[in-house]
Protein backbone atom coordinates (compact mmCIF):
# COMPACT_ATOMS: atom_id res chain seq x y z
CA MET A 1 -13.83 14.98 -20.11
CA ARG A 2 -12.77 11.43 -18.72
CA GLU A 3 -15.84 9.73 -17.54
CA LEU A 4 -15.70 8.69 -13.79
CA SER A 5 -16.63 5.10 -15.00
CA GLU A 6 -13.47 4.70 -17.16
CA PRO A 7 -10.56 2.54 -15.77
CA MET A 8 -7.58 4.88 -15.25
CA PRO A 9 -3.84 4.04 -15.29
CA LEU A 10 -2.56 3.35 -11.51
CA PRO A 11 0.58 5.68 -12.11
CA LEU A 12 -2.06 8.63 -13.16
CA VAL A 13 -4.13 8.04 -10.14
CA LEU A 14 -1.28 8.24 -7.95
CA SER A 15 0.17 11.06 -9.43
CA ARG A 16 -2.92 13.02 -9.46
CA LEU A 17 -3.47 12.22 -5.53
CA ALA A 18 -0.07 13.21 -5.09
CA ASP A 19 -0.98 16.73 -6.85
CA HIS A 20 -3.99 17.09 -4.51
CA LEU A 21 -1.91 16.15 -1.63
CA GLY A 22 0.27 19.24 -2.63
CA HIS A 23 -2.55 21.38 -3.17
CA LEU A 24 -3.93 20.62 0.07
CA GLU A 25 -0.45 21.53 1.69
CA VAL A 26 -0.22 24.89 0.19
CA VAL A 27 -4.08 25.43 1.44
CA GLY A 28 -2.81 24.14 5.08
CA LYS A 29 0.09 26.81 4.95
CA ARG A 30 -2.07 29.61 4.14
CA LEU A 31 -4.59 28.62 6.82
CA GLU A 32 -1.68 28.45 9.36
CA THR A 33 -0.44 31.88 8.37
CA ALA A 34 -4.16 33.23 8.61
CA ILE A 35 -4.41 31.57 12.23
CA LEU A 36 -1.23 33.00 13.40
CA HIS A 37 -2.17 36.51 12.22
CA ALA A 38 -5.58 36.30 13.75
CA LEU A 39 -3.90 35.28 16.67
CA SER A 40 -0.88 37.61 16.99
CA GLU A 41 -2.78 40.20 18.70
CA ARG A 42 -3.70 38.24 21.79
CA PRO A 43 -2.02 35.70 24.14
CA VAL A 44 -1.99 32.31 23.18
CA ASP A 45 -2.80 29.28 25.76
CA ARG A 46 -1.24 26.14 25.78
CA ASN A 47 -4.05 24.51 24.37
CA THR A 48 -3.95 26.61 21.46
CA LEU A 49 -0.05 26.07 20.65
CA THR A 50 -0.79 22.43 20.87
CA ASP A 51 -3.55 22.72 18.26
CA LEU A 52 -1.27 24.68 16.12
CA GLN A 53 1.59 22.18 16.53
CA GLY A 54 -1.26 19.83 15.31
CA ALA A 55 -1.92 22.02 12.04
CA ASP A 56 1.65 22.12 11.31
CA LEU A 57 1.97 18.38 11.67
CA LEU A 58 -1.17 18.04 9.18
CA VAL A 59 0.67 20.25 6.79
CA GLN A 60 4.06 18.50 6.78
CA SER A 61 2.10 15.22 6.80
CA LEU A 62 0.03 16.30 3.53
CA ASP A 63 3.48 17.32 1.93
CA GLY A 64 5.47 14.00 2.94
CA LEU A 65 2.37 11.78 1.61
CA GLY A 66 2.55 13.79 -1.43
CA GLN A 67 6.02 13.13 -2.18
CA VAL A 68 5.70 9.28 -1.28
CA LEU A 69 2.66 8.85 -3.70
CA LYS A 70 4.75 11.02 -6.49
CA HIS A 71 7.67 8.71 -6.09
CA VAL A 72 5.37 5.45 -6.05
CA SER A 73 3.74 6.70 -9.25
CA SER A 74 6.44 6.89 -11.20
CA LYS A 75 7.29 3.29 -9.89
CA ALA A 76 4.25 1.61 -10.76
CA ASP A 77 3.46 -0.32 -13.49
CA PRO A 78 2.26 1.83 -16.56
CA ASN A 79 0.06 -1.01 -17.61
CA ALA A 80 -1.68 -1.40 -14.52
CA VAL A 81 -5.06 0.24 -14.51
CA VAL A 82 -7.69 0.77 -11.73
CA ASP A 83 -11.58 1.08 -11.56
CA MET A 84 -12.00 4.29 -9.79
CA SER A 85 -15.61 4.54 -10.53
CA ASP A 86 -17.20 3.30 -7.17
CA GLN A 87 -14.70 5.15 -5.18
CA LEU A 88 -15.07 8.85 -7.28
CA ALA A 89 -18.78 8.24 -7.27
CA ASN A 90 -18.81 7.89 -3.33
CA LEU A 91 -16.69 10.92 -2.71
CA GLN A 92 -18.47 13.64 -0.96
CA LEU A 93 -16.46 16.68 -2.74
CA ARG A 94 -17.07 16.51 -6.21
CA ASP A 95 -14.34 18.60 -7.18
CA LEU A 96 -11.89 16.26 -5.66
CA ALA A 97 -13.55 13.57 -7.91
CA LEU A 98 -13.10 15.73 -11.09
CA ALA A 99 -9.66 16.57 -10.02
CA ILE A 100 -8.60 12.87 -10.04
CA SER A 101 -10.51 11.94 -13.17
CA ASN A 102 -9.95 14.79 -15.41
CA PRO A 103 -6.49 16.29 -16.31
CA SER A 104 -8.01 19.36 -17.45
CA TYR A 105 -9.89 20.29 -14.65
CA ALA A 106 -8.96 23.15 -12.89
CA SER A 107 -8.95 22.82 -8.86
CA PRO A 108 -10.74 25.15 -6.68
CA TYR A 109 -7.61 24.90 -4.38
CA SER A 110 -5.60 26.64 -7.17
CA LYS A 111 -8.02 29.82 -6.67
CA THR A 112 -6.31 32.81 -5.17
CA GLU A 113 -8.98 35.75 -5.75
CA GLY A 114 -12.23 36.24 -6.31
CA GLU A 115 -15.34 35.21 -4.23
CA VAL A 116 -14.73 33.38 -0.92
CA GLU A 117 -17.43 30.56 -0.14
CA LEU A 118 -18.10 30.17 3.33
CA PHE A 119 -19.55 26.91 4.60
């Protein structure tokens, strides 16, 4: 496993960030579907519709940012490295830090079955 303190190639960091944004987009789409399903049995007011449009914007933005980062990662100097140790150590989500630093780490966002962890 890659240590969090090792410098990482910039294209790799950008690519992993793009991949993570893609995972978050999928989670957002699932969340949108769940919310719409939950609301389908009752009338929806204007504020709820505005919030749902915001959620849709969030999902589309995650996808767009992921595509931009993927493109930038393909154009970045392959010899450029970045020290991510401070940033990764300060992330509140340990799974996110591990997903960025370790290529073999299985993201919790990829799980589709099993136990559901509620806050």
